[in-house]
């Protein structure tokens, strides 16, 4: 079975399953399919939501601190700690994540580049364990780069009925220059839906060392999504 057949099967299964599934907040960082041998990184990301009608249990801010390393030219592993701050301004550790990314194709091998993302999350503030499988696809048209993240998620625990969820994240980015790349991001699921502009870029600090940043605002498209979600990310690669 070749790579196109595998990717097609994943996409078909995703869209078939998504007709039956619900989702939680789907707004997050867009994942890329590439793995660079020897790469190590430390990342701090945050989401800040403002809404009168959000279904996020009063969540105002969420923070993610992670460290990761490429173990080969195909596999990248990451450990992540997530904390949140609610209306009462109390900060708590809400969950831990283990993540792995597998680069499925060589860059330029096909019309699109593919990757597979795997995640296990153990929520600390409520008894829920979450397993996620994501197909990553990226295609370039000149200076325009389009990326799709298609996720299937299984949640289990005493706090909920065991269930599947699905989410979609899309990004269209203009590669103006390394230091500044404007983009539009779209997030969709059965509950949350949002779209908005994002600015990103990177600065080379030394050979093999780089600082990446992202900043954007996602506007809710329905009453169940925060009116505005401010997304920030700072990543040090070495």
C-alpha atoms as a PDB file:
ATOM      1  CA  UNK A   1       0.000   0.000   0.000  1.00  0.00           C
ATOM      2  CA  UNK A   2       1.583   3.320  -1.068  1.00  0.00           C
ATOM      3  CA  UNK A   3       1.554   6.626   0.793  1.00  0.00           C
ATOM      4  CA  UNK A   4      -1.248   8.173  -1.262  1.00  0.00           C
ATOM      5  CA  UNK A   5      -3.535   5.241  -0.460  1.00  0.00           C
ATOM      6  CA  UNK A   6      -2.783   5.494   3.274  1.00  0.00           C
ATOM      7  CA  UNK A   7      -3.433   9.253   3.370  1.00  0.00           C
ATOM      8  CA  UNK A   8      -6.633   8.888   1.333  1.00  0.00           C
ATOM      9  CA  UNK A   9      -7.913   6.182   3.711  1.00  0.00           C
ATOM     10  CA  UNK A  10      -7.221   8.391   6.760  1.00  0.00           C
ATOM     11  CA  UNK A  11      -9.053  11.348   5.196  1.00  0.00           C
ATOM     12  CA  UNK A  12     -12.085   9.240   4.216  1.00  0.00           C
ATOM     13  CA  UNK A  13     -12.287   7.735   7.727  1.00  0.00           C
ATOM     14  CA  UNK A  14     -11.969  11.201   9.253  1.00  0.00           C
ATOM     15  CA  UNK A  15     -14.827  12.758   7.288  1.00  0.00           C
ATOM     16  CA  UNK A  16     -17.046   9.703   7.763  1.00  0.00           C
ATOM     17  CA  UNK A  17     -16.455   9.751  11.525  1.00  0.00           C
ATOM     18  CA  UNK A  18     -16.823  13.527  11.824  1.00  0.00           C
ATOM     19  CA  UNK A  19     -20.489  13.287  10.884  1.00  0.00           C
ATOM     20  CA  UNK A  20     -21.153  11.500  14.223  1.00  0.00           C
ATOM     21  CA  UNK A  21     -18.746  13.267  16.530  1.00  0.00           C
ATOM     22  CA  UNK A  22     -18.734  16.210  18.884  1.00  0.00           C
ATOM     23  CA  UNK A  23     -15.714  18.328  19.856  1.00  0.00           C
ATOM     24  CA  UNK A  24     -14.309  20.556  22.558  1.00  0.00           C
ATOM     25  CA  UNK A  25     -12.299  23.721  21.909  1.00  0.00           C
ATOM     26  CA  UNK A  26     -10.291  23.019  18.754  1.00  0.00           C
ATOM     27  CA  UNK A  27      -8.183  26.207  18.597  1.00  0.00           C
ATOM     28  CA  UNK A  28      -4.476  25.457  18.996  1.00  0.00           C
ATOM     29  CA  UNK A  29      -1.127  25.590  17.201  1.00  0.00           C
ATOM     30  CA  UNK A  30      -1.054  24.397  13.574  1.00  0.00           C
ATOM     31  CA  UNK A  31       1.297  21.416  13.257  1.00  0.00           C
ATOM     32  CA  UNK A  32       3.730  21.056  10.343  1.00  0.00           C
ATOM     33  CA  UNK A  33       4.811  17.641   8.945  1.00  0.00           C
ATOM     34  CA  UNK A  34       8.580  18.156   8.984  1.00  0.00           C
ATOM     35  CA  UNK A  35      11.234  16.660  11.285  1.00  0.00           C
ATOM     36  CA  UNK A  36      14.847  17.870  11.301  1.00  0.00           C
ATOM     37  CA  UNK A  37      17.463  15.412  12.576  1.00  0.00           C
ATOM     38  CA  UNK A  38      19.049  16.572  15.837  1.00  0.00           C
ATOM     39  CA  UNK A  39      16.550  19.383  16.405  1.00  0.00           C
ATOM     40  CA  UNK A  40      15.674  20.275  20.001  1.00  0.00           C
ATOM     41  CA  UNK A  41      13.180  22.898  21.095  1.00  0.00           C
ATOM     42  CA  UNK A  42      11.537  24.584  24.071  1.00  0.00           C
ATOM     43  CA  UNK A  43       8.112  26.138  23.474  1.00  0.00           C
ATOM     44  CA  UNK A  44       5.812  28.421  25.444  1.00  0.00           C
ATOM     45  CA  UNK A  45       2.311  28.894  24.008  1.00  0.00           C
ATOM     46  CA  UNK A  46      -0.782  30.584  25.376  1.00  0.00           C
ATOM     47  CA  UNK A  47      -4.457  31.114  24.566  1.00  0.00           C
ATOM     48  CA  UNK A  48      -6.462  33.995  26.035  1.00  0.00           C
ATOM     49  CA  UNK A  49     -10.220  33.908  25.475  1.00  0.00           C
ATOM     50  CA  UNK A  50     -12.801  36.648  25.786  1.00  0.00           C
ATOM     51  CA  UNK A  51     -16.464  35.714  25.542  1.00  0.00           C
ATOM     52  CA  UNK A  52     -19.845  35.895  27.209  1.00  0.00           C
ATOM     53  CA  UNK A  53     -21.038  32.638  25.630  1.00  0.00           C
ATOM     54  CA  UNK A  54     -18.003  30.321  25.640  1.00  0.00           C
ATOM     55  CA  UNK A  55     -18.410  26.673  26.634  1.00  0.00           C
ATOM     56  CA  UNK A  56     -14.953  26.570  28.230  1.00  0.00           C
ATOM     57  CA  UNK A  57     -16.077  26.393  31.881  1.00  0.00           C
ATOM     58  CA  UNK A  58     -15.028  29.977  32.614  1.00  0.00           C
ATOM     59  CA  UNK A  59     -11.549  29.503  31.151  1.00  0.00           C
ATOM     60  CA  UNK A  60      -9.777  32.819  30.569  1.00  0.00           C
ATOM     61  CA  UNK A  61      -6.199  31.780  29.818  1.00  0.00           C
ATOM     62  CA  UNK A  62      -4.328  28.586  29.012  1.00  0.00           C
ATOM     63  CA  UNK A  63      -0.549  28.138  29.018  1.00  0.00           C
ATOM     64  CA  UNK A  64       1.534  25.328  27.486  1.00  0.00           C
ATOM     65  CA  UNK A  65       5.205  24.682  28.237  1.00  0.00           C
ATOM     66  CA  UNK A  66       6.900  21.916  26.264  1.00  0.00           C
ATOM     67  CA  UNK A  67      10.265  20.475  25.392  1.00  0.00           C
ATOM     68  CA  UNK A  68      10.946  18.219  22.428  1.00  0.00           C
ATOM     69  CA  UNK A  69      13.671  16.460  20.473  1.00  0.00           C
ATOM     70  CA  UNK A  70      14.057  14.781  17.078  1.00  0.00           C
ATOM     71  CA  UNK A  71      15.222  11.200  17.634  1.00  0.00           C
ATOM     72  CA  UNK A  72      15.806  10.583  13.919  1.00  0.00           C
ATOM     73  CA  UNK A  73      15.076  12.295  10.605  1.00  0.00           C
ATOM     74  CA  UNK A  74      11.520  10.875  10.816  1.00  0.00           C
ATOM     75  CA  UNK A  75      10.481  10.943  14.502  1.00  0.00           C
ATOM     76  CA  UNK A  76      10.045  13.871  16.898  1.00  0.00           C
ATOM     77  CA  UNK A  77       8.930  13.483  20.543  1.00  0.00           C
ATOM     78  CA  UNK A  78       7.616  16.111  22.951  1.00  0.00           C
ATOM     79  CA  UNK A  79       6.505  16.438  26.597  1.00  0.00           C
ATOM     80  CA  UNK A  80       4.045  19.192  27.469  1.00  0.00           C
ATOM     81  CA  UNK A  81       2.637  20.693  30.692  1.00  0.00           C
ATOM     82  CA  UNK A  82      -0.614  22.671  30.446  1.00  0.00           C
ATOM     83  CA  UNK A  83      -1.928  25.132  33.011  1.00  0.00           C
ATOM     84  CA  UNK A  84      -4.999  27.323  33.087  1.00  0.00           C
ATOM     85  CA  UNK A  85      -6.240  30.421  34.862  1.00  0.00           C
ATOM     86  CA  UNK A  86      -9.957  30.948  35.434  1.00  0.00           C
ATOM     87  CA  UNK A  87     -12.190  33.825  36.455  1.00  0.00           C
ATOM     88  CA  UNK A  88     -10.884  33.689  40.027  1.00  0.00           C
ATOM     89  CA  UNK A  89      -7.314  34.264  38.728  1.00  0.00           C
ATOM     90  CA  UNK A  90      -6.110  30.998  40.298  1.00  0.00           C
ATOM     91  CA  UNK A  91      -3.488  29.190  38.211  1.00  0.00           C
ATOM     92  CA  UNK A  92      -3.571  25.372  38.206  1.00  0.00           C
ATOM     93  CA  UNK A  93      -1.851  22.579  36.270  1.00  0.00           C
ATOM     94  CA  UNK A  94      -4.673  21.113  34.184  1.00  0.00           C
ATOM     95  CA  UNK A  95      -3.012  18.345  32.147  1.00  0.00           C
ATOM     96  CA  UNK A  96       0.134  16.595  30.910  1.00  0.00           C
ATOM     97  CA  UNK A  97       0.761  15.504  27.314  1.00  0.00           C
ATOM     98  CA  UNK A  98       3.052  13.090  25.508  1.00  0.00           C
ATOM     99  CA  UNK A  99       3.355  13.762  21.779  1.00  0.00           C
ATOM    100  CA  UNK A 100       5.085  12.169  18.805  1.00  0.00           C
ATOM    101  CA  UNK A 101       5.310  13.258  15.174  1.00  0.00           C
ATOM    102  CA  UNK A 102       6.262  11.053  12.240  1.00  0.00           C
ATOM    103  CA  UNK A 103       7.296  12.605   8.920  1.00  0.00           C
ATOM    104  CA  UNK A 104       5.672  10.320   6.355  1.00  0.00           C
ATOM    105  CA  UNK A 105       7.080  11.696   3.089  1.00  0.00           C
ATOM    106  CA  UNK A 106      10.185  13.506   1.937  1.00  0.00           C
ATOM    107  CA  UNK A 107       9.723  17.196   1.198  1.00  0.00           C
ATOM    108  CA  UNK A 108       8.716  17.547  -2.471  1.00  0.00           C
ATOM    109  CA  UNK A 109       8.287  13.787  -2.975  1.00  0.00           C
ATOM    110  CA  UNK A 110       4.580  14.249  -3.758  1.00  0.00           C
ATOM    111  CA  UNK A 111       2.381  17.220  -4.605  1.00  0.00           C
ATOM    112  CA  UNK A 112       1.853  17.574  -0.832  1.00  0.00           C
ATOM    113  CA  UNK A 113       4.034  16.699   2.168  1.00  0.00           C
ATOM    114  CA  UNK A 114       2.503  14.442   4.846  1.00  0.00           C
ATOM    115  CA  UNK A 115       3.047  13.767   8.530  1.00  0.00           C
ATOM    116  CA  UNK A 116       1.344  11.854  11.337  1.00  0.00           C
ATOM    117  CA  UNK A 117       0.896  13.304  14.816  1.00  0.00           C
ATOM    118  CA  UNK A 118       0.072  11.237  17.925  1.00  0.00           C
ATOM    119  CA  UNK A 119      -0.876  12.611  21.342  1.00  0.00           C
ATOM    120  CA  UNK A 120      -1.849  11.257  24.753  1.00  0.00           C
ATOM    121  CA  UNK A 121      -3.226  13.737  27.321  1.00  0.00           C
ATOM    122  CA  UNK A 122      -4.021  13.081  30.984  1.00  0.00           C
ATOM    123  CA  UNK A 123      -6.239  15.814  32.426  1.00  0.00           C
ATOM    124  CA  UNK A 124      -5.536  16.567  36.088  1.00  0.00           C
ATOM    125  CA  UNK A 125      -8.522  18.763  36.955  1.00  0.00           C
ATOM    126  CA  UNK A 126     -11.035  16.168  35.763  1.00  0.00           C
ATOM    127  CA  UNK A 127     -10.792  12.407  35.184  1.00  0.00           C
ATOM    128  CA  UNK A 128     -10.424  12.369  31.381  1.00  0.00           C
ATOM    129  CA  UNK A 129      -7.727  10.745  29.227  1.00  0.00           C
ATOM    130  CA  UNK A 130      -7.477  11.791  25.597  1.00  0.00           C
ATOM    131  CA  UNK A 131      -5.793  10.051  22.668  1.00  0.00           C
ATOM    132  CA  UNK A 132      -5.421  11.906  19.361  1.00  0.00           C
ATOM    133  CA  UNK A 133      -4.340  10.882  15.861  1.00  0.00           C
ATOM    134  CA  UNK A 134      -3.781  13.691  13.359  1.00  0.00           C
ATOM    135  CA  UNK A 135      -2.989  13.671   9.654  1.00  0.00           C
ATOM    136  CA  UNK A 136      -0.857  16.654   8.605  1.00  0.00           C
ATOM    137  CA  UNK A 137      -0.727  17.767   4.963  1.00  0.00           C
ATOM    138  CA  UNK A 138       1.186  20.746   3.539  1.00  0.00           C
ATOM    139  CA  UNK A 139       1.301  22.013  -0.037  1.00  0.00           C
ATOM    140  CA  UNK A 140       3.144  24.973  -1.553  1.00  0.00           C
ATOM    141  CA  UNK A 141       2.149  27.238  -4.453  1.00  0.00           C
ATOM    142  CA  UNK A 142       5.001  29.672  -4.997  1.00  0.00           C
ATOM    143  CA  UNK A 143       5.153  31.791  -1.831  1.00  0.00           C
ATOM    144  CA  UNK A 144       1.796  30.490  -0.595  1.00  0.00           C
ATOM    145  CA  UNK A 145       1.897  27.569   1.848  1.00  0.00           C
ATOM    146  CA  UNK A 146      -1.267  25.709   2.819  1.00  0.00           C
ATOM    147  CA  UNK A 147      -1.443  23.297   5.773  1.00  0.00           C
ATOM    148  CA  UNK A 148      -4.284  21.066   7.006  1.00  0.00           C
ATOM    149  CA  UNK A 149      -4.512  19.279  10.368  1.00  0.00           C
ATOM    150  CA  UNK A 150      -7.253  16.613  10.487  1.00  0.00           C
ATOM    151  CA  UNK A 151      -7.687  15.118  13.965  1.00  0.00           C
ATOM    152  CA  UNK A 152      -9.570  12.165  15.418  1.00  0.00           C
ATOM    153  CA  UNK A 153      -9.724  12.136  19.221  1.00  0.00           C
ATOM    154  CA  UNK A 154     -10.894   9.494  21.676  1.00  0.00           C
ATOM    155  CA  UNK A 155     -11.811  10.576  25.213  1.00  0.00           C
ATOM    156  CA  UNK A 156     -12.349   8.240  28.146  1.00  0.00           C
ATOM    157  CA  UNK A 157     -12.719   8.620  31.902  1.00  0.00           C
ATOM    158  CA  UNK A 158     -15.158   8.625  34.780  1.00  0.00           C
ATOM    159  CA  UNK A 159     -16.120  12.267  34.163  1.00  0.00           C
ATOM    160  CA  UNK A 160     -17.598  11.604  30.712  1.00  0.00           C
ATOM    161  CA  UNK A 161     -19.108   8.936  28.541  1.00  0.00           C
ATOM    162  CA  UNK A 162     -16.351   7.466  26.377  1.00  0.00           C
ATOM    163  CA  UNK A 163     -16.573   9.227  23.035  1.00  0.00           C
ATOM    164  CA  UNK A 164     -14.844  10.217  19.825  1.00  0.00           C
ATOM    165  CA  UNK A 165     -14.254  13.805  18.755  1.00  0.00           C
ATOM    166  CA  UNK A 166     -13.055  15.414  15.538  1.00  0.00           C
ATOM    167  CA  UNK A 167     -11.472  18.745  14.640  1.00  0.00           C
ATOM    168  CA  UNK A 168     -10.069  20.488  11.588  1.00  0.00           C
ATOM    169  CA  UNK A 169      -7.432  23.223  11.487  1.00  0.00           C
ATOM    170  CA  UNK A 170      -6.356  24.993   8.284  1.00  0.00           C
ATOM    171  CA  UNK A 171      -3.663  27.571   7.656  1.00  0.00           C
ATOM    172  CA  UNK A 172      -2.804  29.573   4.534  1.00  0.00           C
ATOM    173  CA  UNK A 173       0.504  31.404   4.900  1.00  0.00           C
ATOM    174  CA  UNK A 174       2.317  33.905   2.671  1.00  0.00           C
ATOM    175  CA  UNK A 175       6.080  33.420   2.858  1.00  0.00           C
ATOM    176  CA  UNK A 176       6.977  37.120   2.613  1.00  0.00           C
ATOM    177  CA  UNK A 177      10.300  36.739   4.379  1.00  0.00           C
ATOM    178  CA  UNK A 178      11.726  34.583   7.179  1.00  0.00           C
ATOM    179  CA  UNK A 179      11.171  37.285   9.811  1.00  0.00           C
ATOM    180  CA  UNK A 180       7.535  37.982   8.872  1.00  0.00           C
ATOM    181  CA  UNK A 181       4.939  35.596   7.416  1.00  0.00           C
ATOM    182  CA  UNK A 182       1.244  36.620   7.536  1.00  0.00           C
ATOM    183  CA  UNK A 183      -1.354  33.855   7.610  1.00  0.00           C
ATOM    184  CA  UNK A 184      -5.060  33.092   7.940  1.00  0.00           C
ATOM    185  CA  UNK A 185      -6.159  30.217  10.205  1.00  0.00           C
ATOM    186  CA  UNK A 186      -9.494  28.407  10.347  1.00  0.00           C
ATOM    187  CA  UNK A 187     -10.647  25.993  13.061  1.00  0.00           C
ATOM    188  CA  UNK A 188     -13.777  23.885  12.946  1.00  0.00           C
ATOM    189  CA  UNK A 189     -15.514  21.120  14.855  1.00  0.00           C
ATOM    190  CA  UNK A 190     -19.026  20.142  15.809  1.00  0.00           C
ATOM    191  CA  UNK A 191     -19.073  22.772  18.592  1.00  0.00           C
ATOM    192  CA  UNK A 192     -16.330  25.386  18.107  1.00  0.00           C
ATOM    193  CA  UNK A 193     -15.599  27.286  14.926  1.00  0.00           C
ATOM    194  CA  UNK A 194     -13.312  30.268  14.335  1.00  0.00           C
ATOM    195  CA  UNK A 195     -11.185  32.140  11.814  1.00  0.00           C
ATOM    196  CA  UNK A 196      -8.654  34.935  12.028  1.00  0.00           C
ATOM    197  CA  UNK A 197      -5.280  36.461  11.068  1.00  0.00           C
ATOM    198  CA  UNK A 198      -1.925  35.319  12.430  1.00  0.00           C
ATOM    199  CA  UNK A 199       1.558  36.791  12.107  1.00  0.00           C
ATOM    200  CA  UNK A 200       4.639  34.599  12.494  1.00  0.00           C
ATOM    201  CA  UNK A 201       8.332  34.652  11.841  1.00  0.00           C
ATOM    202  CA  UNK A 202      11.743  33.394  12.922  1.00  0.00           C
ATOM    203  CA  UNK A 203      15.112  34.906  13.800  1.00  0.00           C
ATOM    204  CA  UNK A 204      18.394  33.061  13.450  1.00  0.00           C
ATOM    205  CA  UNK A 205      20.448  33.587  16.598  1.00  0.00           C
ATOM    206  CA  UNK A 206      23.506  31.449  15.779  1.00  0.00           C
ATOM    207  CA  UNK A 207      24.320  28.391  13.646  1.00  0.00           C
ATOM    208  CA  UNK A 208      21.730  25.765  14.545  1.00  0.00           C
ATOM    209  CA  UNK A 209      19.832  28.117  16.860  1.00  0.00           C
ATOM    210  CA  UNK A 210      16.630  29.964  16.013  1.00  0.00           C
ATOM    211  CA  UNK A 211      13.775  31.790  17.730  1.00  0.00           C
ATOM    212  CA  UNK A 212      10.277  31.331  16.261  1.00  0.00           C
ATOM    213  CA  UNK A 213       7.211  33.372  17.198  1.00  0.00           C
ATOM    214  CA  UNK A 214       3.495  33.425  16.396  1.00  0.00           C
ATOM    215  CA  UNK A 215       0.751  35.880  17.343  1.00  0.00           C
ATOM    216  CA  UNK A 216      -2.849  35.916  16.190  1.00  0.00           C
ATOM    217  CA  UNK A 217      -6.502  36.476  16.986  1.00  0.00           C
ATOM    218  CA  UNK A 218      -9.234  33.968  16.137  1.00  0.00           C
ATOM    219  CA  UNK A 219     -12.826  35.232  15.948  1.00  0.00           C
ATOM    220  CA  UNK A 220     -15.633  32.876  16.925  1.00  0.00           C
ATOM    221  CA  UNK A 221     -18.092  31.994  14.171  1.00  0.00           C
ATOM    222  CA  UNK A 222     -20.855  30.641  16.410  1.00  0.00           C
ATOM    223  CA  UNK A 223     -22.304  31.204  19.888  1.00  0.00           C
ATOM    224  CA  UNK A 224     -20.407  28.252  21.359  1.00  0.00           C
ATOM    225  CA  UNK A 225     -16.965  29.673  20.514  1.00  0.00           C
ATOM    226  CA  UNK A 226     -15.194  32.465  22.405  1.00  0.00           C
ATOM    227  CA  UNK A 227     -15.771  35.826  20.716  1.00  0.00           C
ATOM    228  CA  UNK A 228     -12.004  36.330  20.501  1.00  0.00           C
ATOM    229  CA  UNK A 229      -9.161  33.907  21.151  1.00  0.00           C
ATOM    230  CA  UNK A 230      -5.696  35.487  21.294  1.00  0.00           C
ATOM    231  CA  UNK A 231      -3.003  32.964  20.380  1.00  0.00           C
ATOM    232  CA  UNK A 232       0.719  33.443  21.176  1.00  0.00           C
ATOM    233  CA  UNK A 233       3.738  31.192  20.765  1.00  0.00           C
ATOM    234  CA  UNK A 234       7.471  31.536  21.404  1.00  0.00           C
ATOM    235  CA  UNK A 235       9.783  28.671  20.445  1.00  0.00           C
ATOM    236  CA  UNK A 236      13.532  28.282  20.843  1.00  0.00           C
ATOM    237  CA  UNK A 237      15.194  25.753  18.528  1.00  0.00           C
ATOM    238  CA  UNK A 238      18.750  24.554  19.186  1.00  0.00           C
END
